[in-house]
Amino acid sequence: VQLVESGGGLVQPGGSLRLSCAASGFTFSHYAMSWYRQAPGKERELVAAIISDGSITNYVDSVKGRFTISRDNAKNMVYLQMNSLKPEDTAVYYCYSGGTWGQGTQVTVSS
């Protein structure tokens, strides 16, 4: 089982990024997927989640209306579209499913 994130980087406040997570080694379409983040000195928190068929999503209040989680079961991919980014969104973002974590991708929001 492997999850590999990509798409992080440095962006100015108000900007956008799209994170991707490539999954392998399990039947992707059977599992819910989540994005977590961990800022320096803070606990890891759940940012967004999506059920196996993509019909239901959930978000932490601080990102509602700005972030969108989606998945492509044909490609074994899950995405996190992040718009209107704020400095407080700066963190390492992790893909998660069924006890497996990706390695994380750094998102830095700064002018």
Protein backbone atom coordinates (compact mmCIF):
# COMPACT_ATOMS: atom_id res chain seq x y z
CA VAL A 1 0.00 0.00 0.00
CA GLN A 2 1.41 3.36 -1.00
CA LEU A 3 0.21 6.94 -1.07
CA VAL A 4 2.33 9.58 -2.81
CA GLU A 5 1.45 13.27 -2.57
CA SER A 6 2.52 16.01 -4.94
CA GLY A 7 1.65 19.58 -5.79
CA GLY A 8 2.80 21.49 -2.75
CA GLY A 9 4.85 24.65 -2.91
CA LEU A 10 5.11 28.32 -2.05
CA VAL A 11 2.14 30.52 -2.90
CA GLN A 12 1.11 34.06 -2.03
CA PRO A 13 -1.94 34.72 0.13
CA GLY A 14 -5.07 34.51 -1.98
CA GLY A 15 -3.45 32.08 -4.38
CA SER A 16 -4.34 28.51 -5.27
CA LEU A 17 -2.71 25.10 -5.27
CA ARG A 18 -3.90 21.66 -6.25
CA LEU A 19 -2.55 18.71 -4.30
CA SER A 20 -2.61 15.22 -5.77
CA CYS A 21 -2.30 11.83 -4.12
CA ALA A 22 -1.51 8.72 -6.15
CA ALA A 23 -2.63 5.49 -4.50
CA SER A 24 -1.43 1.97 -5.19
CA GLY A 25 -1.45 -1.48 -3.66
CA PHE A 26 -5.10 -1.63 -2.64
CA THR A 27 -8.57 -1.46 -4.17
CA PHE A 28 -8.78 2.32 -4.22
CA SER A 29 -12.44 2.55 -5.19
CA HIS A 30 -13.46 0.71 -2.01
CA TYR A 31 -11.94 3.15 0.46
CA ALA A 32 -12.63 6.60 1.82
CA MET A 33 -9.73 9.01 1.41
CA SER A 34 -8.67 11.95 3.53
CA TRP A 35 -6.30 14.89 3.57
CA TYR A 36 -4.69 15.93 6.84
CA ARG A 37 -2.28 18.73 7.63
CA GLN A 38 0.22 19.49 10.34
CA ALA A 39 1.59 22.92 11.00
CA PRO A 40 4.79 23.46 13.02
CA GLY A 41 4.12 22.95 16.71
CA LYS A 42 0.53 21.85 16.14
CA GLU A 43 -1.38 18.58 16.12
CA ARG A 44 -2.15 16.89 12.83
CA GLU A 45 -5.72 17.77 11.82
CA LEU A 46 -8.22 16.36 9.38
CA VAL A 47 -8.79 18.84 6.55
CA ALA A 48 -11.13 17.01 4.18
CA ALA A 49 -12.51 13.55 3.53
CA ILE A 50 -14.37 11.82 0.70
CA ILE A 51 -16.17 8.52 0.69
CA SER A 52 -15.38 5.70 -1.71
CA ASP A 53 -17.71 6.72 -4.53
CA GLY A 54 -17.08 10.44 -4.10
CA SER A 55 -20.69 11.30 -3.34
CA ILE A 56 -20.09 12.66 0.16
CA THR A 57 -17.37 15.01 1.33
CA ASN A 58 -16.58 16.67 4.62
CA TYR A 59 -14.35 19.59 5.59
CA VAL A 60 -12.94 21.22 8.67
CA ASP A 61 -14.70 24.53 9.23
CA SER A 62 -11.59 26.61 8.55
CA VAL A 63 -11.41 25.49 4.90
CA LYS A 64 -15.09 25.25 3.98
CA GLY A 65 -15.83 27.21 0.83
CA ARG A 66 -12.12 27.40 -0.09
CA PHE A 67 -10.95 23.79 -0.44
CA THR A 68 -12.46 21.00 -2.53
CA ILE A 69 -11.63 17.32 -2.24
CA SER A 70 -12.28 15.07 -5.21
CA ARG A 71 -11.24 11.67 -6.52
CA ASP A 72 -10.84 9.78 -9.75
CA ASN A 73 -11.37 6.08 -9.11
CA ALA A 74 -10.31 5.18 -12.65
CA LYS A 75 -6.88 6.73 -11.99
CA ASN A 76 -6.54 5.86 -8.28
CA MET A 77 -6.10 9.55 -7.51
CA VAL A 78 -7.42 11.93 -4.90
CA TYR A 79 -7.07 15.70 -5.13
CA LEU A 80 -7.32 18.73 -2.89
CA GLN A 81 -8.03 21.99 -4.69
CA MET A 82 -7.08 24.85 -2.40
CA ASN A 83 -8.23 28.37 -3.25
CA SER A 84 -8.02 31.68 -1.40
CA LEU A 85 -5.06 30.38 0.56
CA LYS A 86 -4.14 32.04 3.83
CA PRO A 87 -0.89 32.07 5.81
CA GLU A 88 -2.57 29.86 8.41
CA ASP A 89 -2.95 27.14 5.76
CA THR A 90 0.82 26.68 5.85
CA ALA A 91 1.50 23.07 6.83
CA VAL A 92 2.64 19.70 5.61
CA TYR A 93 -0.33 18.07 3.91
CA TYR A 94 -0.77 14.30 4.10
CA CYS A 95 -2.92 11.86 2.19
CA TYR A 96 -4.45 9.10 4.34
CA SER A 97 -6.47 5.95 3.91
CA GLY A 98 -7.01 2.80 5.92
CA GLY A 99 -4.07 3.26 8.27
CA THR A 100 -1.60 4.32 5.59
CA TRP A 101 -0.05 7.79 5.38
CA GLY A 102 1.72 9.42 2.49
CA GLN A 103 5.06 11.14 2.99
CA GLY A 104 3.51 14.60 2.95
CA THR A 105 3.91 17.67 0.79
CA GLN A 106 4.79 21.12 2.10
CA VAL A 107 2.43 24.03 1.47
CA THR A 108 3.71 27.47 2.38
CA VAL A 109 1.49 30.53 2.06
CA SER A 110 3.54 33.69 2.35
CA SER A 111 4.13 37.00 0.63
